[in-house]
Amino acid sequence: MLSREDYKNYLGQMRNIENRMLGFYGKWADKIEDDSIKKVFSRISNEEKYHIRLIEELANLFNF
């Protein structure tokens, strides 16, 4: 069984990963000239924003 501290560490790690991915895809979506790739990178960037909101929602449930 995972402890409260385990969940807190896990959510912190997930926040870091999602924020790095958001930064990566957001940055490259602005720099890529190919519209089809730019569109996919923009969609991935939006998904990362959604993932971050889910992580925050879960953290709130744990009162972190």
PDB file of N, CA and C in Angstrom:
ATOM      1  N   MET A   1       0.843  -1.174   0.000  1.00  0.00           N
ATOM      2  CA  MET A   1       0.000   0.000   0.000  1.00  0.00           C
ATOM      3  C   MET A   1       0.892   1.243   0.000  1.00  0.00           C
ATOM      4  N   LEU A   2       0.520   2.210  -0.785  1.00  0.00           N
ATOM      5  CA  LEU A   2       1.305   3.434  -0.872  1.00  0.00           C
ATOM      6  C   LEU A   2       0.958   4.375   0.271  1.00  0.00           C
ATOM      7  N   SER A   3       1.982   5.025   0.775  1.00  0.00           N
ATOM      8  CA  SER A   3       1.769   5.979   1.856  1.00  0.00           C
ATOM      9  C   SER A   3       1.377   7.342   1.283  1.00  0.00           C
ATOM     10  N   ARG A   4       0.945   8.208   2.158  1.00  0.00           N
ATOM     11  CA  ARG A   4       0.613   9.577   1.765  1.00  0.00           C
ATOM     12  C   ARG A   4       1.831  10.250   1.132  1.00  0.00           C
ATOM     13  N   GLU A   5       2.999  10.008   1.707  1.00  0.00           N
ATOM     14  CA  GLU A   5       4.243  10.593   1.177  1.00  0.00           C
ATOM     15  C   GLU A   5       4.566  10.033  -0.212  1.00  0.00           C
ATOM     16  N   ASP A   6       4.281   8.749  -0.425  1.00  0.00           N
ATOM     17  CA  ASP A   6       4.486   8.139  -1.750  1.00  0.00           C
ATOM     18  C   ASP A   6       3.625   8.837  -2.800  1.00  0.00           C
ATOM     19  N   TYR A   7       2.359   9.063  -2.467  1.00  0.00           N
ATOM     20  CA  TYR A   7       1.463   9.761  -3.395  1.00  0.00           C
ATOM     21  C   TYR A   7       1.940  11.178  -3.665  1.00  0.00           C
ATOM     22  N   LYS A   8       2.377  11.839  -2.614  1.00  0.00           N
ATOM     23  CA  LYS A   8       2.865  13.209  -2.759  1.00  0.00           C
ATOM     24  C   LYS A   8       4.092  13.249  -3.681  1.00  0.00           C
ATOM     25  N   ASN A   9       5.014  12.317  -3.485  1.00  0.00           N
ATOM     26  CA  ASN A   9       6.207  12.244  -4.348  1.00  0.00           C
ATOM     27  C   ASN A   9       5.834  11.916  -5.783  1.00  0.00           C
ATOM     28  N   TYR A  10       4.929  10.969  -5.947  1.00  0.00           N
ATOM     29  CA  TYR A  10       4.489  10.575  -7.289  1.00  0.00           C
ATOM     30  C   TYR A  10       3.867  11.760  -8.029  1.00  0.00           C
ATOM     31  N   LEU A  11       2.970  12.469  -7.366  1.00  0.00           N
ATOM     32  CA  LEU A  11       2.321  13.608  -8.015  1.00  0.00           C
ATOM     33  C   LEU A  11       3.336  14.706  -8.333  1.00  0.00           C
ATOM     34  N   GLY A  12       4.315  14.891  -7.477  1.00  0.00           N
ATOM     35  CA  GLY A  12       5.374  15.861  -7.763  1.00  0.00           C
ATOM     36  C   GLY A  12       6.174  15.468  -8.993  1.00  0.00           C
ATOM     37  N   GLN A  13       6.484  14.195  -9.109  1.00  0.00           N
ATOM     38  CA  GLN A  13       7.200  13.702 -10.285  1.00  0.00           C
ATOM     39  C   GLN A  13       6.361  13.883 -11.549  1.00  0.00           C
ATOM     40  N   MET A  14       5.069  13.581 -11.448  1.00  0.00           N
ATOM     41  CA  MET A  14       4.188  13.725 -12.606  1.00  0.00           C
ATOM     42  C   MET A  14       4.056  15.192 -13.020  1.00  0.00           C
ATOM     43  N   ARG A  15       3.965  16.083 -12.049  1.00  0.00           N
ATOM     44  CA  ARG A  15       3.927  17.526 -12.361  1.00  0.00           C
ATOM     45  C   ARG A  15       5.163  17.927 -13.160  1.00  0.00           C
ATOM     46  N   ASN A  16       6.327  17.466 -12.700  1.00  0.00           N
ATOM     47  CA  ASN A  16       7.578  17.809 -13.385  1.00  0.00           C
ATOM     48  C   ASN A  16       7.594  17.280 -14.819  1.00  0.00           C
ATOM     49  N   ILE A  17       7.199  16.051 -14.999  1.00  0.00           N
ATOM     50  CA  ILE A  17       7.186  15.447 -16.337  1.00  0.00           C
ATOM     51  C   ILE A  17       6.225  16.198 -17.251  1.00  0.00           C
ATOM     52  N   GLU A  18       5.005  16.429 -16.779  1.00  0.00           N
ATOM     53  CA  GLU A  18       4.005  17.094 -17.611  1.00  0.00           C
ATOM     54  C   GLU A  18       4.432  18.527 -17.953  1.00  0.00           C
ATOM     55  N   ASN A  19       5.011  19.231 -16.985  1.00  0.00           N
ATOM     56  CA  ASN A  19       5.475  20.591 -17.257  1.00  0.00           C
ATOM     57  C   ASN A  19       6.618  20.610 -18.269  1.00  0.00           C
ATOM     58  N   ARG A  20       7.528  19.644 -18.168  1.00  0.00           N
ATOM     59  CA  ARG A  20       8.618  19.567 -19.157  1.00  0.00           C
ATOM     60  C   ARG A  20       8.071  19.268 -20.549  1.00  0.00           C
ATOM     61  N   MET A  21       7.118  18.351 -20.621  1.00  0.00           N
ATOM     62  CA  MET A  21       6.535  18.010 -21.921  1.00  0.00           C
ATOM     63  C   MET A  21       5.761  19.197 -22.497  1.00  0.00           C
ATOM     64  N   LEU A  22       5.031  19.895 -21.644  1.00  0.00           N
ATOM     65  CA  LEU A  22       4.306  21.083 -22.085  1.00  0.00           C
ATOM     66  C   LEU A  22       5.281  22.107 -22.657  1.00  0.00           C
ATOM     67  N   GLY A  23       6.372  22.344 -21.958  1.00  0.00           N
ATOM     68  CA  GLY A  23       7.377  23.287 -22.439  1.00  0.00           C
ATOM     69  C   GLY A  23       7.990  22.851 -23.760  1.00  0.00           C
ATOM     70  N   PHE A  24       8.303  21.574 -23.874  1.00  0.00           N
ATOM     71  CA  PHE A  24       8.907  21.053 -25.096  1.00  0.00           C
ATOM     72  C   PHE A  24       7.972  21.225 -26.295  1.00  0.00           C
ATOM     73  N   TYR A  25       6.768  20.699 -26.188  1.00  0.00           N
ATOM     74  CA  TYR A  25       5.847  20.749 -27.327  1.00  0.00           C
ATOM     75  C   TYR A  25       5.366  22.160 -27.615  1.00  0.00           C
ATOM     76  N   GLY A  26       5.164  22.948 -26.574  1.00  0.00           N
ATOM     77  CA  GLY A  26       4.767  24.338 -26.785  1.00  0.00           C
ATOM     78  C   GLY A  26       5.841  25.124 -27.515  1.00  0.00           C
ATOM     79  N   LYS A  27       7.090  24.932 -27.114  1.00  0.00           N
ATOM     80  CA  LYS A  27       8.211  25.630 -27.746  1.00  0.00           C
ATOM     81  C   LYS A  27       8.346  25.218 -29.209  1.00  0.00           C
ATOM     82  N   TRP A  28       8.319  23.923 -29.466  1.00  0.00           N
ATOM     83  CA  TRP A  28       8.530  23.448 -30.825  1.00  0.00           C
ATOM     84  C   TRP A  28       7.326  23.698 -31.725  1.00  0.00           C
ATOM     85  N   ALA A  29       6.143  23.741 -31.169  1.00  0.00           N
ATOM     86  CA  ALA A  29       4.958  24.047 -31.988  1.00  0.00           C
ATOM     87  C   ALA A  29       5.099  25.437 -32.599  1.00  0.00           C
ATOM     88  N   ASP A  30       5.738  26.336 -31.878  1.00  0.00           N
ATOM     89  CA  ASP A  30       5.940  27.693 -32.388  1.00  0.00           C
ATOM     90  C   ASP A  30       7.059  27.782 -33.422  1.00  0.00           C
ATOM     91  N   LYS A  31       7.979  26.822 -33.413  1.00  0.00           N
ATOM     92  CA  LYS A  31       9.159  26.902 -34.277  1.00  0.00           C
ATOM     93  C   LYS A  31       9.054  26.071 -35.550  1.00  0.00           C
ATOM     94  N   ILE A  32       8.220  25.058 -35.546  1.00  0.00           N
ATOM     95  CA  ILE A  32       8.113  24.157 -36.690  1.00  0.00           C
ATOM     96  C   ILE A  32       7.286  24.815 -37.788  1.00  0.00           C
ATOM     97  N   GLU A  33       7.773  24.684 -39.010  1.00  0.00           N
ATOM     98  CA  GLU A  33       7.071  25.302 -40.141  1.00  0.00           C
ATOM     99  C   GLU A  33       6.038  24.388 -40.773  1.00  0.00           C
ATOM    100  N   ASP A  34       6.228  23.099 -40.661  1.00  0.00           N
ATOM    101  CA  ASP A  34       5.286  22.144 -41.244  1.00  0.00           C
ATOM    102  C   ASP A  34       3.971  22.223 -40.474  1.00  0.00           C
ATOM    103  N   ASP A  35       2.919  22.638 -41.158  1.00  0.00           N
ATOM    104  CA  ASP A  35       1.627  22.857 -40.485  1.00  0.00           C
ATOM    105  C   ASP A  35       1.034  21.593 -39.870  1.00  0.00           C
ATOM    106  N   SER A  36       1.234  20.436 -40.513  1.00  0.00           N
ATOM    107  CA  SER A  36       0.663  19.209 -39.965  1.00  0.00           C
ATOM    108  C   SER A  36       1.366  18.816 -38.663  1.00  0.00           C
ATOM    109  N   ILE A  37       2.681  18.986 -38.608  1.00  0.00           N
ATOM    110  CA  ILE A  37       3.418  18.685 -37.374  1.00  0.00           C
ATOM    111  C   ILE A  37       3.103  19.731 -36.316  1.00  0.00           C
ATOM    112  N   LYS A  38       3.052  20.980 -36.730  1.00  0.00           N
ATOM    113  CA  LYS A  38       2.716  22.065 -35.796  1.00  0.00           C
ATOM    114  C   LYS A  38       1.359  21.804 -35.140  1.00  0.00           C
ATOM    115  N   LYS A  39       0.400  21.345 -35.936  1.00  0.00           N
ATOM    116  CA  LYS A  39      -0.940  21.066 -35.411  1.00  0.00           C
ATOM    117  C   LYS A  39      -0.908  19.949 -34.369  1.00  0.00           C
ATOM    118  N   VAL A  40      -0.159  18.887 -34.650  1.00  0.00           N
ATOM    119  CA  VAL A  40      -0.063  17.772 -33.710  1.00  0.00           C
ATOM    120  C   VAL A  40       0.639  18.219 -32.427  1.00  0.00           C
ATOM    121  N   PHE A  41       1.728  18.975 -32.564  1.00  0.00           N
ATOM    122  CA  PHE A  41       2.434  19.461 -31.386  1.00  0.00           C
ATOM    123  C   PHE A  41       1.541  20.380 -30.556  1.00  0.00           C
ATOM    124  N   SER A  42       0.746  21.182 -31.194  1.00  0.00           N
ATOM    125  CA  SER A  42      -0.184  22.051 -30.472  1.00  0.00           C
ATOM    126  C   SER A  42      -1.225  21.231 -29.725  1.00  0.00           C
ATOM    127  N   ARG A  43      -1.715  20.180 -30.360  1.00  0.00           N
ATOM    128  CA  ARG A  43      -2.694  19.307 -29.700  1.00  0.00           C
ATOM    129  C   ARG A  43      -2.069  18.595 -28.510  1.00  0.00           C
ATOM    130  N   ILE A  44      -0.834  18.118 -28.675  1.00  0.00           N
ATOM    131  CA  ILE A  44      -0.144  17.466 -27.558  1.00  0.00           C
ATOM    132  C   ILE A  44       0.050  18.463 -26.424  1.00  0.00           C
ATOM    133  N   SER A  45       0.424  19.685 -26.753  1.00  0.00           N
ATOM    134  CA  SER A  45       0.609  20.728 -25.751  1.00  0.00           C
ATOM    135  C   SER A  45      -0.689  20.953 -24.974  1.00  0.00           C
ATOM    136  N   ASN A  46      -1.794  20.999 -25.668  1.00  0.00           N
ATOM    137  CA  ASN A  46      -3.093  21.161 -25.001  1.00  0.00           C
ATOM    138  C   ASN A  46      -3.420  19.970 -24.107  1.00  0.00           C
ATOM    139  N   GLU A  47      -3.060  18.773 -24.544  1.00  0.00           N
ATOM    140  CA  GLU A  47      -3.277  17.577 -23.726  1.00  0.00           C
ATOM    141  C   GLU A  47      -2.440  17.635 -22.453  1.00  0.00           C
ATOM    142  N   GLU A  48      -1.224  18.132 -22.571  1.00  0.00           N
ATOM    143  CA  GLU A  48      -0.369  18.255 -21.382  1.00  0.00           C
ATOM    144  C   GLU A  48      -0.986  19.227 -20.376  1.00  0.00           C
ATOM    145  N   LYS A  49      -1.571  20.305 -20.853  1.00  0.00           N
ATOM    146  CA  LYS A  49      -2.257  21.238 -19.957  1.00  0.00           C
ATOM    147  C   LYS A  49      -3.392  20.529 -19.227  1.00  0.00           C
ATOM    148  N   TYR A  50      -4.113  19.691 -19.950  1.00  0.00           N
ATOM    149  CA  TYR A  50      -5.202  18.922 -19.343  1.00  0.00           C
ATOM    150  C   TYR A  50      -4.659  17.952 -18.294  1.00  0.00           C
ATOM    151  N   HIS A  51      -3.555  17.276 -18.605  1.00  0.00           N
ATOM    152  CA  HIS A  51      -2.951  16.346 -17.652  1.00  0.00           C
ATOM    153  C   HIS A  51      -2.540  17.069 -16.366  1.00  0.00           C
ATOM    154  N   ILE A  52      -1.990  18.261 -16.518  1.00  0.00           N
ATOM    155  CA  ILE A  52      -1.582  19.042 -15.354  1.00  0.00           C
ATOM    156  C   ILE A  52      -2.799  19.376 -14.490  1.00  0.00           C
ATOM    157  N   ARG A  53      -3.909  19.734 -15.132  1.00  0.00           N
ATOM    158  CA  ARG A  53      -5.131  20.017 -14.363  1.00  0.00           C
ATOM    159  C   ARG A  53      -5.605  18.772 -13.612  1.00  0.00           C
ATOM    160  N   LEU A  54      -5.505  17.604 -14.238  1.00  0.00           N
ATOM    161  CA  LEU A  54      -5.899  16.366 -13.568  1.00  0.00           C
ATOM    162  C   LEU A  54      -5.005  16.075 -12.366  1.00  0.00           C
ATOM    163  N   ILE A  55      -3.719  16.291 -12.518  1.00  0.00           N
ATOM    164  CA  ILE A  55      -2.792  16.081 -11.414  1.00  0.00           C
ATOM    165  C   ILE A  55      -3.129  17.028 -10.264  1.00  0.00           C
ATOM    166  N   GLU A  56      -3.417  18.276 -10.592  1.00  0.00           N
ATOM    167  CA  GLU A  56      -3.780  19.244  -9.548  1.00  0.00           C
ATOM    168  C   GLU A  56      -5.090  18.845  -8.864  1.00  0.00           C
ATOM    169  N   GLU A  57      -6.024  18.340  -9.634  1.00  0.00           N
ATOM    170  CA  GLU A  57      -7.293  17.883  -9.058  1.00  0.00           C
ATOM    171  C   GLU A  57      -7.055  16.737  -8.084  1.00  0.00           C
ATOM    172  N   LEU A  58      -6.222  15.792  -8.477  1.00  0.00           N
ATOM    173  CA  LEU A  58      -5.898  14.675  -7.611  1.00  0.00           C
ATOM    174  C   LEU A  58      -5.151  15.153  -6.361  1.00  0.00           C
ATOM    175  N   ALA A  59      -4.206  16.070  -6.540  1.00  0.00           N
ATOM    176  CA  ALA A  59      -3.470  16.617  -5.386  1.00  0.00           C
ATOM    177  C   ALA A  59      -4.429  17.289  -4.407  1.00  0.00           C
ATOM    178  N   ASN A  60      -5.424  17.991  -4.934  1.00  0.00           N
ATOM    179  CA  ASN A  60      -6.414  18.641  -4.073  1.00  0.00           C
ATOM    180  C   ASN A  60      -7.227  17.620  -3.279  1.00  0.00           C
ATOM    181  N   LEU A  61      -7.517  16.487  -3.893  1.00  0.00           N
ATOM    182  CA  LEU A  61      -8.257  15.436  -3.187  1.00  0.00           C
ATOM    183  C   LEU A  61      -7.443  14.897  -2.014  1.00  0.00           C
ATOM    184  N   PHE A  62      -6.122  14.871  -2.174  1.00  0.00           N
ATOM    185  CA  PHE A  62      -5.234  14.426  -1.106  1.00  0.00           C
ATOM    186  C   PHE A  62      -4.855  15.563  -0.153  1.00  0.00           C
ATOM    187  N   ASN A  63      -5.335  16.753  -0.453  1.00  0.00           N
ATOM    188  CA  ASN A  63      -4.996  17.945   0.345  1.00  0.00           C
ATOM    189  C   ASN A  63      -3.500  18.248   0.357  1.00  0.00           C
ATOM    190  N   PHE A  64      -2.871  18.123  -0.823  1.00  0.00           N
ATOM    191  CA  PHE A  64      -1.446  18.453  -0.958  1.00  0.00           C
ATOM    192  C   PHE A  64      -1.319  19.896  -1.392  1.00  0.00           C
TER     193      PHE A  64
END
